[in-house]
């Protein structure tokens, strides 16, 4: 692989998860009945909302450059969390019109909190990545 094709592959690989997660959430929200999941405790659906939207915000963060993560972390955090939260609100509004489904403000709260956690996680991951790369450079003598 040439450097350009490797860069293109990396770009696609990093940017593909966000739209795939959005499509998956939309498809699941469009169904009148969701797949049965053994319920271990009341409110387990809020945990699923949190996880799905944390993954969404994390994957949105992959669209930003490492430079943005390091020099404007609050901007990256706010954009990732806001996009996840707005998508969650639109998803809840959409569910209002799906037969046998309902809108729930607490689902949106779980979406928003998950989005904030995912945004924070992608920023933490970028800092860890930089530290690992710096450590490798020190071990190899900067080459």
N, C-alpha and C. Protein backbone atom coordinates (compact mmCIF):
# COMPACT_ATOMS: atom_id res chain seq x y z
N UNK A 1 0.83 -1.18 0.00
CA UNK A 1 0.00 0.00 0.00
C UNK A 1 0.87 1.24 0.00
N UNK A 2 0.47 2.18 -0.81
CA UNK A 2 1.19 3.45 -0.81
C UNK A 2 0.74 4.30 0.37
N UNK A 3 1.50 5.33 0.63
CA UNK A 3 1.16 6.21 1.75
C UNK A 3 -0.22 6.84 1.56
N UNK A 4 -0.56 7.26 0.33
CA UNK A 4 -1.86 7.88 0.06
C UNK A 4 -3.00 6.90 0.25
N UNK A 5 -2.86 5.66 -0.22
CA UNK A 5 -3.93 4.68 -0.07
C UNK A 5 -4.08 4.28 1.39
N UNK A 6 -2.97 4.24 2.11
CA UNK A 6 -3.03 3.93 3.55
C UNK A 6 -3.75 5.05 4.29
N UNK A 7 -3.47 6.29 3.90
CA UNK A 7 -4.13 7.44 4.52
C UNK A 7 -5.63 7.43 4.21
N UNK A 8 -5.99 7.10 2.99
CA UNK A 8 -7.40 7.02 2.61
C UNK A 8 -8.10 5.93 3.39
N UNK A 9 -7.46 4.77 3.53
CA UNK A 9 -8.03 3.67 4.30
C UNK A 9 -8.25 4.10 5.75
N UNK A 10 -7.26 4.76 6.34
CA UNK A 10 -7.36 5.22 7.72
C UNK A 10 -8.49 6.22 7.87
N UNK A 11 -8.60 7.15 6.94
CA UNK A 11 -9.65 8.16 6.98
C UNK A 11 -11.02 7.50 6.93
N UNK A 12 -11.22 6.57 6.02
CA UNK A 12 -12.50 5.87 5.90
C UNK A 12 -12.76 5.05 7.16
N UNK A 13 -11.75 4.34 7.63
CA UNK A 13 -11.88 3.49 8.81
C UNK A 13 -12.28 4.31 10.04
N UNK A 14 -11.74 5.51 10.18
CA UNK A 14 -12.06 6.34 11.34
C UNK A 14 -13.41 7.04 11.22
N UNK A 15 -13.84 7.31 10.00
CA UNK A 15 -15.08 8.07 9.81
C UNK A 15 -16.32 7.22 9.56
N UNK A 16 -16.15 5.96 9.31
CA UNK A 16 -17.29 5.09 9.01
C UNK A 16 -18.15 4.75 10.23
N UNK A 17 -17.60 4.57 11.42
CA UNK A 17 -18.44 4.15 12.55
C UNK A 17 -19.58 5.11 12.90
N UNK A 18 -19.36 6.41 12.88
CA UNK A 18 -20.41 7.36 13.28
C UNK A 18 -21.69 7.21 12.43
N UNK A 19 -21.58 7.26 11.10
CA UNK A 19 -22.82 7.09 10.33
C UNK A 19 -23.43 5.70 10.49
N UNK A 20 -22.61 4.68 10.65
CA UNK A 20 -23.15 3.34 10.86
C UNK A 20 -23.92 3.23 12.17
N UNK A 21 -23.40 3.86 13.22
CA UNK A 21 -24.11 3.87 14.50
C UNK A 21 -25.42 4.64 14.37
N UNK A 22 -25.39 5.77 13.67
CA UNK A 22 -26.61 6.56 13.48
C UNK A 22 -27.67 5.76 12.71
N UNK A 23 -27.25 5.07 11.68
CA UNK A 23 -28.19 4.26 10.90
C UNK A 23 -28.75 3.13 11.76
N UNK A 24 -27.91 2.49 12.54
CA UNK A 24 -28.36 1.39 13.41
C UNK A 24 -29.37 1.89 14.43
N UNK A 25 -29.09 3.02 15.08
CA UNK A 25 -30.02 3.59 16.04
C UNK A 25 -31.35 3.92 15.37
N UNK A 26 -31.29 4.51 14.18
CA UNK A 26 -32.52 4.87 13.46
C UNK A 26 -33.33 3.64 13.09
N UNK A 27 -32.66 2.60 12.63
CA UNK A 27 -33.38 1.35 12.28
C UNK A 27 -34.04 0.75 13.50
N UNK A 28 -33.31 0.68 14.61
CA UNK A 28 -33.89 0.11 15.83
C UNK A 28 -35.04 0.97 16.34
N UNK A 29 -34.93 2.29 16.21
CA UNK A 29 -35.99 3.19 16.66
C UNK A 29 -37.24 3.09 15.79
N UNK A 30 -37.07 2.65 14.56
CA UNK A 30 -38.20 2.56 13.64
C UNK A 30 -39.03 1.30 13.83
N UNK A 31 -38.51 0.39 14.61
CA UNK A 31 -39.23 -0.87 14.83
C UNK A 31 -40.27 -0.70 15.93
N UNK A 32 -41.43 -1.30 15.72
CA UNK A 32 -42.48 -1.24 16.74
C UNK A 32 -42.13 -2.08 17.95
N UNK A 33 -41.37 -3.14 17.73
CA UNK A 33 -40.95 -4.00 18.83
C UNK A 33 -39.46 -4.26 18.70
N UNK A 34 -38.76 -4.11 19.80
CA UNK A 34 -37.32 -4.35 19.80
C UNK A 34 -37.04 -5.81 20.12
N UNK A 35 -35.86 -6.30 19.78
CA UNK A 35 -35.51 -7.67 20.14
C UNK A 35 -35.59 -7.86 21.65
N UNK A 36 -36.03 -9.04 22.05
CA UNK A 36 -36.13 -9.32 23.49
C UNK A 36 -34.74 -9.40 24.10
N UNK A 37 -34.60 -8.72 25.21
CA UNK A 37 -33.35 -8.74 25.97
C UNK A 37 -33.74 -9.13 27.39
N UNK A 38 -33.06 -10.14 27.94
CA UNK A 38 -33.40 -10.50 29.33
C UNK A 38 -33.17 -9.29 30.24
N UNK A 39 -34.21 -8.89 30.94
CA UNK A 39 -34.12 -7.71 31.80
C UNK A 39 -33.61 -8.14 33.17
N UNK A 40 -32.45 -7.59 33.52
CA UNK A 40 -31.86 -7.92 34.80
C UNK A 40 -32.28 -6.93 35.87
N UNK A 41 -32.62 -5.72 35.48
CA UNK A 41 -33.11 -4.74 36.45
C UNK A 41 -33.91 -3.68 35.71
N UNK A 42 -34.83 -3.03 36.41
CA UNK A 42 -35.63 -1.98 35.77
C UNK A 42 -34.73 -0.85 35.27
N UNK A 43 -35.05 -0.32 34.13
CA UNK A 43 -34.27 0.78 33.57
C UNK A 43 -33.06 0.33 32.77
N UNK A 44 -32.96 -0.95 32.47
CA UNK A 44 -31.82 -1.45 31.68
C UNK A 44 -31.76 -0.75 30.33
N UNK A 45 -32.93 -0.32 29.81
CA UNK A 45 -32.93 0.37 28.52
C UNK A 45 -32.15 1.68 28.58
N UNK A 46 -32.12 2.31 29.75
CA UNK A 46 -31.35 3.56 29.89
C UNK A 46 -29.85 3.27 29.77
N UNK A 47 -29.43 2.12 30.25
CA UNK A 47 -28.02 1.71 30.12
C UNK A 47 -27.69 1.51 28.65
N UNK A 48 -28.60 0.89 27.91
CA UNK A 48 -28.38 0.68 26.48
C UNK A 48 -28.32 2.02 25.73
N UNK A 49 -29.20 2.94 26.11
CA UNK A 49 -29.16 4.29 25.51
C UNK A 49 -27.81 4.94 25.79
N UNK A 50 -27.37 4.89 27.04
CA UNK A 50 -26.10 5.49 27.44
C UNK A 50 -24.95 4.92 26.61
N UNK A 51 -24.89 3.60 26.50
CA UNK A 51 -23.80 2.95 25.77
C UNK A 51 -23.84 3.31 24.28
N UNK A 52 -25.02 3.26 23.68
CA UNK A 52 -25.13 3.55 22.25
C UNK A 52 -24.70 4.99 21.93
N UNK A 53 -25.11 5.93 22.76
CA UNK A 53 -24.78 7.32 22.48
C UNK A 53 -23.36 7.67 22.91
N UNK A 54 -22.80 6.93 23.86
CA UNK A 54 -21.38 7.10 24.18
C UNK A 54 -20.56 6.64 22.97
N UNK A 55 -20.94 5.52 22.38
CA UNK A 55 -20.24 5.03 21.19
C UNK A 55 -20.39 6.02 20.03
N UNK A 56 -21.57 6.60 19.90
CA UNK A 56 -21.79 7.59 18.84
C UNK A 56 -20.89 8.81 19.03
N UNK A 57 -20.87 9.37 20.23
CA UNK A 57 -20.05 10.56 20.48
C UNK A 57 -18.56 10.24 20.30
N UNK A 58 -18.13 9.06 20.77
CA UNK A 58 -16.74 8.67 20.60
C UNK A 58 -16.40 8.61 19.11
N UNK A 59 -17.29 7.99 18.32
CA UNK A 59 -17.02 7.85 16.89
C UNK A 59 -17.08 9.20 16.17
N UNK A 60 -17.89 10.12 16.65
CA UNK A 60 -17.91 11.47 16.07
C UNK A 60 -16.57 12.14 16.34
N UNK A 61 -16.01 11.90 17.52
CA UNK A 61 -14.71 12.47 17.86
C UNK A 61 -13.60 12.01 16.94
N UNK A 62 -13.77 10.86 16.31
CA UNK A 62 -12.76 10.35 15.39
C UNK A 62 -12.71 11.17 14.09
N UNK A 63 -13.69 12.01 13.87
CA UNK A 63 -13.70 12.86 12.68
C UNK A 63 -12.76 14.04 12.83
N UNK A 64 -12.38 14.35 14.06
CA UNK A 64 -11.52 15.51 14.32
C UNK A 64 -10.05 15.10 14.26
N UNK A 65 -9.21 16.04 13.90
CA UNK A 65 -7.77 15.79 13.85
C UNK A 65 -7.23 15.69 15.27
N UNK A 66 -6.09 15.03 15.38
CA UNK A 66 -5.43 14.92 16.67
C UNK A 66 -5.06 16.31 17.18
N UNK A 67 -4.70 17.19 16.27
CA UNK A 67 -4.37 18.57 16.64
C UNK A 67 -5.56 19.25 17.31
N UNK A 68 -6.75 19.03 16.78
CA UNK A 68 -7.95 19.61 17.39
C UNK A 68 -8.18 19.06 18.79
N UNK A 69 -7.96 17.76 18.93
CA UNK A 69 -8.14 17.12 20.24
C UNK A 69 -7.21 17.74 21.28
N UNK A 70 -5.99 18.06 20.86
CA UNK A 70 -5.00 18.56 21.80
C UNK A 70 -5.10 20.06 22.04
N UNK A 71 -5.42 20.83 21.00
CA UNK A 71 -5.41 22.28 21.12
C UNK A 71 -6.78 22.90 21.43
N UNK A 72 -7.84 22.19 21.09
CA UNK A 72 -9.19 22.69 21.36
C UNK A 72 -10.07 21.58 21.92
N UNK A 73 -9.66 20.98 23.05
CA UNK A 73 -10.41 19.85 23.58
C UNK A 73 -11.85 20.18 23.97
N UNK A 74 -12.10 21.37 24.50
CA UNK A 74 -13.47 21.73 24.88
C UNK A 74 -14.37 21.86 23.66
N UNK A 75 -13.81 22.35 22.59
CA UNK A 75 -14.58 22.48 21.35
C UNK A 75 -14.97 21.10 20.83
N UNK A 76 -14.00 20.19 20.80
CA UNK A 76 -14.28 18.82 20.36
C UNK A 76 -15.31 18.17 21.28
N UNK A 77 -15.12 18.33 22.59
CA UNK A 77 -16.06 17.75 23.56
C UNK A 77 -17.47 18.27 23.32
N UNK A 78 -17.61 19.58 23.22
CA UNK A 78 -18.94 20.18 23.06
C UNK A 78 -19.61 19.76 21.76
N UNK A 79 -18.86 19.72 20.68
CA UNK A 79 -19.45 19.32 19.40
C UNK A 79 -19.89 17.86 19.44
N UNK A 80 -19.03 16.98 19.94
CA UNK A 80 -19.38 15.55 20.00
C UNK A 80 -20.59 15.31 20.90
N UNK A 81 -20.58 15.92 22.08
CA UNK A 81 -21.69 15.74 23.01
C UNK A 81 -22.97 16.36 22.47
N UNK A 82 -22.87 17.53 21.85
CA UNK A 82 -24.05 18.21 21.31
C UNK A 82 -24.67 17.43 20.15
N UNK A 83 -23.83 16.93 19.25
CA UNK A 83 -24.37 16.16 18.11
C UNK A 83 -25.09 14.91 18.63
N UNK A 84 -24.48 14.22 19.60
CA UNK A 84 -25.11 13.02 20.16
C UNK A 84 -26.43 13.39 20.86
N UNK A 85 -26.44 14.49 21.61
CA UNK A 85 -27.64 14.90 22.32
C UNK A 85 -28.76 15.30 21.36
N UNK A 86 -28.42 16.06 20.34
CA UNK A 86 -29.43 16.48 19.35
C UNK A 86 -29.95 15.26 18.59
N UNK A 87 -29.06 14.35 18.23
CA UNK A 87 -29.50 13.14 17.54
C UNK A 87 -30.43 12.33 18.45
N UNK A 88 -30.11 12.29 19.75
CA UNK A 88 -30.98 11.61 20.71
C UNK A 88 -32.35 12.25 20.80
N UNK A 89 -32.39 13.58 20.80
CA UNK A 89 -33.68 14.29 20.85
C UNK A 89 -34.50 14.01 19.60
N UNK A 90 -33.85 14.05 18.44
CA UNK A 90 -34.55 13.76 17.18
C UNK A 90 -35.03 12.31 17.18
N UNK A 91 -34.23 11.41 17.70
CA UNK A 91 -34.61 10.00 17.79
C UNK A 91 -35.84 9.82 18.68
N UNK A 92 -35.86 10.51 19.81
CA UNK A 92 -37.03 10.41 20.70
C UNK A 92 -38.27 10.99 20.05
N UNK A 93 -38.12 12.11 19.34
CA UNK A 93 -39.25 12.69 18.60
C UNK A 93 -39.74 11.70 17.54
N UNK A 94 -38.81 11.09 16.84
CA UNK A 94 -39.15 10.10 15.81
C UNK A 94 -39.94 8.94 16.42
N UNK A 95 -39.53 8.48 17.60
CA UNK A 95 -40.21 7.34 18.24
C UNK A 95 -41.65 7.67 18.62
N UNK A 96 -41.95 8.93 18.82
CA UNK A 96 -43.31 9.35 19.13
C UNK A 96 -44.28 8.92 18.02
N UNK A 97 -43.78 8.88 16.78
CA UNK A 97 -44.62 8.56 15.63
C UNK A 97 -44.58 7.08 15.23
N UNK A 98 -43.78 6.29 15.93
CA UNK A 98 -43.68 4.86 15.63
C UNK A 98 -44.73 4.12 16.46
N UNK A 99 -45.56 3.30 15.80
CA UNK A 99 -46.58 2.57 16.55
C UNK A 99 -45.96 1.71 17.67
N UNK A 100 -46.64 1.73 18.82
CA UNK A 100 -46.25 0.94 20.01
C UNK A 100 -44.95 1.42 20.65
N UNK A 101 -44.46 2.58 20.25
CA UNK A 101 -43.27 3.17 20.87
C UNK A 101 -43.68 4.51 21.47
N UNK A 102 -42.85 5.00 22.37
CA UNK A 102 -43.14 6.31 22.94
C UNK A 102 -41.86 7.10 23.13
N UNK A 103 -42.03 8.40 23.27
CA UNK A 103 -40.90 9.28 23.57
C UNK A 103 -40.72 9.33 25.08
N UNK A 104 -39.50 9.37 25.50
CA UNK A 104 -39.23 9.39 26.93
C UNK A 104 -38.09 10.37 27.20
N UNK A 105 -38.36 11.37 28.01
CA UNK A 105 -37.34 12.38 28.33
C UNK A 105 -36.14 11.72 29.00
N UNK A 106 -36.37 10.67 29.78
CA UNK A 106 -35.27 10.00 30.49
C UNK A 106 -34.38 9.22 29.53
N UNK A 107 -34.95 8.75 28.43
CA UNK A 107 -34.11 8.14 27.39
C UNK A 107 -33.17 9.20 26.81
N UNK A 108 -33.72 10.39 26.56
CA UNK A 108 -32.89 11.48 26.03
C UNK A 108 -31.81 11.90 27.02
N UNK A 109 -32.16 11.92 28.31
CA UNK A 109 -31.15 12.24 29.33
C UNK A 109 -30.03 11.19 29.29
N UNK A 110 -30.40 9.92 29.17
CA UNK A 110 -29.39 8.86 29.08
C UNK A 110 -28.56 9.03 27.80
N UNK A 111 -29.21 9.41 26.70
CA UNK A 111 -28.49 9.66 25.44
C UNK A 111 -27.47 10.78 25.64
N UNK A 112 -27.90 11.86 26.27
CA UNK A 112 -27.04 13.03 26.46
C UNK A 112 -25.87 12.71 27.39
N UNK A 113 -26.15 12.03 28.49
CA UNK A 113 -25.07 11.65 29.41
C UNK A 113 -24.09 10.68 28.74
N UNK A 114 -24.63 9.76 27.95
CA UNK A 114 -23.76 8.86 27.19
C UNK A 114 -22.91 9.62 26.20
N UNK A 115 -23.52 10.60 25.53
CA UNK A 115 -22.77 11.43 24.59
C UNK A 115 -21.64 12.18 25.27
N UNK A 116 -21.90 12.68 26.46
CA UNK A 116 -20.85 13.40 27.21
C UNK A 116 -19.73 12.43 27.62
N UNK A 117 -20.10 11.23 28.03
CA UNK A 117 -19.09 10.24 28.41
C UNK A 117 -18.25 9.83 27.20
N UNK A 118 -18.90 9.62 26.06
CA UNK A 118 -18.17 9.24 24.85
C UNK A 118 -17.25 10.35 24.37
N UNK A 119 -17.71 11.60 24.49
CA UNK A 119 -16.87 12.74 24.11
C UNK A 119 -15.65 12.84 25.01
N UNK A 120 -15.85 12.64 26.30
CA UNK A 120 -14.72 12.67 27.24
C UNK A 120 -13.77 11.51 26.97
N UNK A 121 -14.32 10.35 26.64
CA UNK A 121 -13.49 9.17 26.38
C UNK A 121 -12.62 9.34 25.14
N UNK A 122 -13.15 9.95 24.09
CA UNK A 122 -12.34 10.12 22.87
C UNK A 122 -11.22 11.12 23.12
N UNK A 123 -11.47 12.13 23.94
CA UNK A 123 -10.40 13.07 24.28
C UNK A 123 -9.33 12.39 25.13
N UNK A 124 -9.75 11.57 26.08
CA UNK A 124 -8.78 10.83 26.90
C UNK A 124 -7.97 9.88 26.03
N UNK A 125 -8.64 9.20 25.10
CA UNK A 125 -7.95 8.27 24.21
C UNK A 125 -6.92 8.99 23.35
N UNK A 126 -7.24 10.19 22.89
CA UNK A 126 -6.28 10.92 22.06
C UNK A 126 -5.05 11.33 22.87
N UNK A 127 -5.25 11.70 24.12
CA UNK A 127 -4.10 12.06 24.98
C UNK A 127 -3.25 10.83 25.27
N UNK A 128 -3.89 9.71 25.51
CA UNK A 128 -3.14 8.47 25.74
C UNK A 128 -2.34 8.11 24.48
N UNK A 129 -2.97 8.26 23.32
CA UNK A 129 -2.30 7.97 22.05
C UNK A 129 -1.04 8.82 21.88
N UNK A 130 -1.16 10.11 22.20
CA UNK A 130 -0.01 11.02 22.08
C UNK A 130 1.09 10.59 23.05
N UNK A 131 0.74 10.24 24.27
CA UNK A 131 1.75 9.81 25.25
C UNK A 131 2.46 8.54 24.80
N UNK A 132 1.72 7.62 24.24
CA UNK A 132 2.32 6.38 23.73
C UNK A 132 3.30 6.69 22.59
N UNK A 133 2.88 7.57 21.68
CA UNK A 133 3.74 7.93 20.56
C UNK A 133 5.00 8.66 21.04
N UNK A 134 4.84 9.54 22.02
CA UNK A 134 6.00 10.25 22.58
C UNK A 134 6.95 9.27 23.26
N UNK A 135 6.39 8.30 23.95
CA UNK A 135 7.21 7.28 24.63
C UNK A 135 7.98 6.46 23.62
N UNK A 136 7.35 6.10 22.51
CA UNK A 136 8.03 5.36 21.45
C UNK A 136 9.16 6.16 20.85
N UNK A 137 8.91 7.47 20.66
CA UNK A 137 9.95 8.35 20.09
C UNK A 137 11.15 8.42 21.02
N UNK A 138 10.92 8.49 22.31
CA UNK A 138 12.02 8.57 23.28
C UNK A 138 12.83 7.27 23.27
N UNK A 139 12.15 6.15 23.18
CA UNK A 139 12.84 4.84 23.18
C UNK A 139 13.66 4.63 21.94
N UNK A 140 13.19 5.15 20.80
CA UNK A 140 13.92 4.95 19.55
C UNK A 140 14.89 6.10 19.25
N UNK A 141 14.94 7.04 20.15
CA UNK A 141 15.88 8.15 19.94
C UNK A 141 15.38 9.19 18.98
N UNK A 142 14.02 9.27 18.82
CA UNK A 142 13.46 10.32 17.96
C UNK A 142 13.45 10.00 16.50
N UNK A 143 13.83 8.81 16.11
CA UNK A 143 13.88 8.47 14.69
C UNK A 143 12.57 7.95 14.19
